[in-house]
C-alpha atoms as a PDB file:
ATOM      1  CA  UNK A   1    -157.896  67.363 143.697  1.00  0.00           C
ATOM      2  CA  UNK A   2    -155.506  70.178 142.741  1.00  0.00           C
ATOM      3  CA  UNK A   3    -154.371  68.340 139.602  1.00  0.00           C
ATOM      4  CA  UNK A   4    -157.985  67.892 138.590  1.00  0.00           C
ATOM      5  CA  UNK A   5    -158.614  71.637 138.962  1.00  0.00           C
ATOM      6  CA  UNK A   6    -155.509  72.440 136.921  1.00  0.00           C
ATOM      7  CA  UNK A   7    -156.652  70.055 134.205  1.00  0.00           C
ATOM      8  CA  UNK A   8    -160.081  71.694 134.135  1.00  0.00           C
ATOM      9  CA  UNK A   9    -158.449  75.133 133.827  1.00  0.00           C
ATOM     10  CA  UNK A  10    -156.283  73.902 130.950  1.00  0.00           C
ATOM     11  CA  UNK A  11    -159.315  72.405 129.206  1.00  0.00           C
ATOM     12  CA  UNK A  12    -161.223  75.689 129.619  1.00  0.00           C
ATOM     13  CA  UNK A  13    -158.278  77.673 128.241  1.00  0.00           C
ATOM     14  CA  UNK A  14    -158.024  75.370 125.234  1.00  0.00           C
ATOM     15  CA  UNK A  15    -161.735  75.704 124.562  1.00  0.00           C
ATOM     16  CA  UNK A  16    -161.534  79.518 124.747  1.00  0.00           C
ATOM     17  CA  UNK A  17    -158.491  79.713 122.437  1.00  0.00           C
ATOM     18  CA  UNK A  18    -159.208  80.200 118.749  1.00  0.00           C
ATOM     19  CA  UNK A  19    -159.088  76.919 116.883  1.00  0.00           C
ATOM     20  CA  UNK A  20    -156.404  76.454 114.261  1.00  0.00           C
ATOM     21  CA  UNK A  21    -157.596  76.232 110.711  1.00  0.00           C
ATOM     22  CA  UNK A  22    -157.444  72.631 109.512  1.00  0.00           C
ATOM     23  CA  UNK A  23    -156.901  71.786 105.866  1.00  0.00           C
ATOM     24  CA  UNK A  24    -159.517  69.879 103.925  1.00  0.00           C
ATOM     25  CA  UNK A  25    -157.166  66.910 103.520  1.00  0.00           C
ATOM     26  CA  UNK A  26    -156.362  66.801 107.243  1.00  0.00           C
ATOM     27  CA  UNK A  27    -160.015  67.011 108.231  1.00  0.00           C
ATOM     28  CA  UNK A  28    -160.893  64.156 105.844  1.00  0.00           C
ATOM     29  CA  UNK A  29    -158.102  61.984 107.250  1.00  0.00           C
ATOM     30  CA  UNK A  30    -158.900  62.784 110.892  1.00  0.00           C
ATOM     31  CA  UNK A  31    -162.027  60.632 110.810  1.00  0.00           C
ATOM     32  CA  UNK A  32    -160.080  57.586 109.606  1.00  0.00           C
ATOM     33  CA  UNK A  33    -157.687  57.443 112.593  1.00  0.00           C
ATOM     34  CA  UNK A  34    -158.705  56.381 116.085  1.00  0.00           C
ATOM     35  CA  UNK A  35    -156.423  58.355 118.411  1.00  0.00           C
ATOM     36  CA  UNK A  36    -156.774  56.068 121.428  1.00  0.00           C
ATOM     37  CA  UNK A  37    -156.251  52.822 119.507  1.00  0.00           C
ATOM     38  CA  UNK A  38    -152.869  51.089 119.459  1.00  0.00           C
ATOM     39  CA  UNK A  39    -152.333  49.863 115.908  1.00  0.00           C
ATOM     40  CA  UNK A  40    -150.226  46.819 115.033  1.00  0.00           C
ATOM     41  CA  UNK A  41    -147.249  47.606 112.761  1.00  0.00           C
ATOM     42  CA  UNK A  42    -149.045  46.081 109.761  1.00  0.00           C
ATOM     43  CA  UNK A  43    -152.196  48.117 110.397  1.00  0.00           C
ATOM     44  CA  UNK A  44    -150.196  51.305 110.978  1.00  0.00           C
ATOM     45  CA  UNK A  45    -148.251  50.980 107.720  1.00  0.00           C
ATOM     46  CA  UNK A  46    -151.434  50.191 105.775  1.00  0.00           C
ATOM     47  CA  UNK A  47    -153.165  53.220 107.325  1.00  0.00           C
ATOM     48  CA  UNK A  48    -150.194  55.485 106.532  1.00  0.00           C
ATOM     49  CA  UNK A  49    -150.247  54.360 102.906  1.00  0.00           C
ATOM     50  CA  UNK A  50    -153.981  54.988 102.710  1.00  0.00           C
ATOM     51  CA  UNK A  51    -153.686  58.478 104.210  1.00  0.00           C
ATOM     52  CA  UNK A  52    -150.637  59.532 102.139  1.00  0.00           C
ATOM     53  CA  UNK A  53    -152.078  62.058  99.720  1.00  0.00           C
ATOM     54  CA  UNK A  54    -149.341  64.701  99.516  1.00  0.00           C
ATOM     55  CA  UNK A  55    -147.747  65.602  96.212  1.00  0.00           C
ATOM     56  CA  UNK A  56    -144.288  64.549  97.456  1.00  0.00           C
ATOM     57  CA  UNK A  57    -142.751  61.409  98.892  1.00  0.00           C
ATOM     58  CA  UNK A  58    -143.818  61.280 102.532  1.00  0.00           C
ATOM     59  CA  UNK A  59    -141.652  59.753 105.249  1.00  0.00           C
ATOM     60  CA  UNK A  60    -142.374  58.127 108.587  1.00  0.00           C
ATOM     61  CA  UNK A  61    -140.329  57.930 111.777  1.00  0.00           C
ATOM     62  CA  UNK A  62    -140.233  55.138 114.317  1.00  0.00           C
ATOM     63  CA  UNK A  63    -139.331  55.850 117.931  1.00  0.00           C
ATOM     64  CA  UNK A  64    -138.885  53.038 120.407  1.00  0.00           C
ATOM     65  CA  UNK A  65    -137.985  52.710 124.062  1.00  0.00           C
ATOM     66  CA  UNK A  66    -135.558  49.859 124.742  1.00  0.00           C
ATOM     67  CA  UNK A  67    -135.214  50.581 128.475  1.00  0.00           C
ATOM     68  CA  UNK A  68    -131.418  50.728 128.256  1.00  0.00           C
ATOM     69  CA  UNK A  69    -129.080  52.919 130.285  1.00  0.00           C
ATOM     70  CA  UNK A  70    -126.406  54.331 127.934  1.00  0.00           C
ATOM     71  CA  UNK A  71    -124.084  55.010 130.891  1.00  0.00           C
ATOM     72  CA  UNK A  72    -123.124  51.339 130.847  1.00  0.00           C
ATOM     73  CA  UNK A  73    -121.000  50.008 127.994  1.00  0.00           C
ATOM     74  CA  UNK A  74    -122.871  46.722 127.759  1.00  0.00           C
ATOM     75  CA  UNK A  75    -126.150  48.615 127.215  1.00  0.00           C
ATOM     76  CA  UNK A  76    -125.024  50.915 124.406  1.00  0.00           C
ATOM     77  CA  UNK A  77    -126.276  50.273 120.894  1.00  0.00           C
ATOM     78  CA  UNK A  78    -124.256  51.479 117.932  1.00  0.00           C
ATOM     79  CA  UNK A  79    -125.029  49.982 114.584  1.00  0.00           C
ATOM     80  CA  UNK A  80    -125.668  50.687 110.943  1.00  0.00           C
ATOM     81  CA  UNK A  81    -128.544  49.535 108.798  1.00  0.00           C
ATOM     82  CA  UNK A  82    -128.212  48.427 105.191  1.00  0.00           C
ATOM     83  CA  UNK A  83    -131.265  49.704 103.358  1.00  0.00           C
ATOM     84  CA  UNK A  84    -132.749  47.267 100.817  1.00  0.00           C
ATOM     85  CA  UNK A  85    -132.537  49.771  97.942  1.00  0.00           C
ATOM     86  CA  UNK A  86    -129.566  51.771  99.199  1.00  0.00           C
ATOM     87  CA  UNK A  87    -129.636  55.515  99.688  1.00  0.00           C
ATOM     88  CA  UNK A  88    -129.745  56.326  95.997  1.00  0.00           C
ATOM     89  CA  UNK A  89    -126.280  57.866  96.053  1.00  0.00           C
ATOM     90  CA  UNK A  90    -123.194  56.335  94.472  1.00  0.00           C
ATOM     91  CA  UNK A  91    -120.260  55.770  96.806  1.00  0.00           C
ATOM     92  CA  UNK A  92    -117.020  57.551  95.961  1.00  0.00           C
ATOM     93  CA  UNK A  93    -113.733  56.824  97.732  1.00  0.00           C
ATOM     94  CA  UNK A  94    -111.072  59.508  98.248  1.00  0.00           C
ATOM     95  CA  UNK A  95    -107.622  58.679  99.597  1.00  0.00           C
ATOM     96  CA  UNK A  96    -104.999  61.083 100.945  1.00  0.00           C
ATOM     97  CA  UNK A  97    -101.685  59.366 100.301  1.00  0.00           C
ATOM     98  CA  UNK A  98     -98.360  59.747  98.490  1.00  0.00           C
ATOM     99  CA  UNK A  99     -95.962  57.393  96.760  1.00  0.00           C
ATOM    100  CA  UNK A 100     -96.517  53.663  97.000  1.00  0.00           C
ATOM    101  CA  UNK A 101     -99.596  54.061  99.183  1.00  0.00           C
ATOM    102  CA  UNK A 102    -101.199  56.273  96.508  1.00  0.00           C
ATOM    103  CA  UNK A 103    -100.476  53.680  93.815  1.00  0.00           C
ATOM    104  CA  UNK A 104    -101.892  50.950  96.042  1.00  0.00           C
ATOM    105  CA  UNK A 105    -105.070  52.981  96.657  1.00  0.00           C
ATOM    106  CA  UNK A 106    -105.476  53.641  92.924  1.00  0.00           C
ATOM    107  CA  UNK A 107    -105.082  49.921  92.243  1.00  0.00           C
ATOM    108  CA  UNK A 108    -107.704  49.134  94.922  1.00  0.00           C
ATOM    109  CA  UNK A 109    -110.237  51.285  93.061  1.00  0.00           C
ATOM    110  CA  UNK A 110    -110.142  54.679  94.811  1.00  0.00           C
ATOM    111  CA  UNK A 111    -111.917  57.409  92.836  1.00  0.00           C
ATOM    112  CA  UNK A 112    -109.705  60.290  94.019  1.00  0.00           C
ATOM    113  CA  UNK A 113    -106.102  59.988  95.185  1.00  0.00           C
END
């Protein structure tokens, strides 16, 4: 009962607050997305591509809940991901060494020794 009253008060406060100005692009896209619907990954990606109208490369984030407890070693996840097209940056190797180790690093292909 009390939670219901609090929710009604919040709804009334939101209705009384001045609405934020919405851009033309955002208002056009708002009608294409159903907020309550759970989209499959394929549908979500297709919808994102359809709604991407900015003049720059847009990005998307994925958040997932794996129900793991990181306090336990067997439930920790630490990994790297190899992107299909790389990061776009060339890899340079620098080595701090002297003598034979420096020569060995140079021979192995280090950029800076």
